[in-house]
Amino acid sequence: MASKTGATLMTKSKTKKVEPTLEDAHAFAQRHGLKHLRPEYIARLRELIAPVAFYGQQVRRSPHKENAPASEFTAFKP
């Protein structure tokens, strides 16, 4: 969905505009246990699908399994 922010999804080969429908948002909500959301929340969810997907694709990921973030960070106990 190319919303107010003009968000598009990036694929390996090209930029692809995604325009999810209310049915897509409703299906997403059902898959995540949110089937009882009010219609205004489903509509807002639909608006946010493309921007969230776009920014999620901007997160850098390690090309090697051995360099996963879990092995790079250490949790310290007080």
Protein backbone atom coordinates (compact mmCIF):
# COMPACT_ATOMS: atom_id res chain seq x y z
CA MET A 1 0.00 0.00 0.00
CA ALA A 2 1.45 3.34 -0.96
CA SER A 3 0.02 5.28 1.93
CA LYS A 4 0.58 8.84 3.12
CA THR A 5 4.23 7.96 3.65
CA GLY A 6 4.57 6.57 0.13
CA ALA A 7 5.81 3.26 1.51
CA THR A 8 6.70 0.52 -0.89
CA LEU A 9 8.07 -2.95 -0.35
CA MET A 10 11.49 -3.83 -1.65
CA THR A 11 12.09 -7.19 -3.24
CA LYS A 12 15.36 -8.60 -4.48
CA SER A 13 14.56 -7.76 -8.07
CA LYS A 14 12.52 -4.57 -7.87
CA THR A 15 10.42 -2.21 -5.83
CA LYS A 16 6.87 -3.43 -5.49
CA LYS A 17 3.93 -1.35 -4.32
CA VAL A 18 1.67 -3.24 -1.97
CA GLU A 19 -1.91 -2.23 -1.30
CA PRO A 20 -3.42 -4.58 1.28
CA THR A 21 -7.17 -4.83 1.46
CA LEU A 22 -9.37 -4.86 4.52
CA GLU A 23 -9.70 -8.61 3.98
CA ASP A 24 -5.90 -8.94 4.17
CA ALA A 25 -5.85 -6.98 7.43
CA HIS A 26 -8.71 -9.04 8.83
CA ALA A 27 -6.94 -12.30 7.88
CA PHE A 28 -3.73 -11.03 9.51
CA ALA A 29 -5.64 -10.18 12.70
CA GLN A 30 -7.23 -13.63 12.77
CA ARG A 31 -3.86 -15.36 12.30
CA HIS A 32 -2.54 -13.47 15.33
CA GLY A 33 -5.51 -14.08 17.61
CA LEU A 34 -7.05 -10.65 17.11
CA LYS A 35 -10.26 -11.71 15.40
CA HIS A 36 -12.43 -9.66 17.76
CA LEU A 37 -10.90 -6.28 16.88
CA ARG A 38 -13.32 -3.50 16.12
CA PRO A 39 -13.59 -2.42 12.47
CA GLU A 40 -11.76 0.88 13.08
CA TYR A 41 -8.76 -1.03 14.43
CA ILE A 42 -8.77 -3.35 11.42
CA ALA A 43 -8.80 -0.28 9.17
CA ARG A 44 -5.85 1.20 11.07
CA LEU A 45 -4.03 -2.12 10.85
CA ARG A 46 -4.52 -2.01 7.08
CA GLU A 47 -2.95 1.46 6.96
CA LEU A 48 0.10 0.29 8.89
CA ILE A 49 0.87 -2.93 7.02
CA ALA A 50 2.98 -1.36 4.25
CA PRO A 51 5.00 1.12 6.37
CA VAL A 52 5.83 -1.56 8.95
CA ALA A 53 6.85 -4.01 6.24
CA PHE A 54 8.97 -1.36 4.54
CA TYR A 55 10.85 -0.36 7.69
CA GLY A 56 11.20 -3.99 8.75
CA GLN A 57 13.01 -4.66 5.49
CA GLN A 58 15.48 -1.89 6.31
CA VAL A 59 16.80 -3.75 9.37
CA ARG A 60 20.28 -5.03 8.65
CA ARG A 61 20.68 -8.75 8.88
CA SER A 62 23.87 -10.72 9.15
CA PRO A 63 24.71 -12.69 6.00
CA HIS A 64 26.28 -15.50 8.07
CA LYS A 65 24.43 -17.71 10.51
CA GLU A 66 27.45 -17.74 12.84
CA ASN A 67 27.24 -13.94 13.23
CA ALA A 68 23.67 -13.84 14.47
CA PRO A 69 22.88 -11.03 16.93
CA ALA A 70 22.25 -13.48 19.76
CA SER A 71 25.93 -14.45 19.83
CA GLU A 72 27.10 -10.82 19.60
CA PHE A 73 25.25 -9.56 22.67
CA THR A 74 25.87 -10.62 26.22
CA ALA A 75 23.29 -10.30 28.97
CA PHE A 76 24.73 -9.18 32.28
CA LYS A 77 23.11 -10.19 35.51
CA PRO A 78 23.24 -7.62 38.32
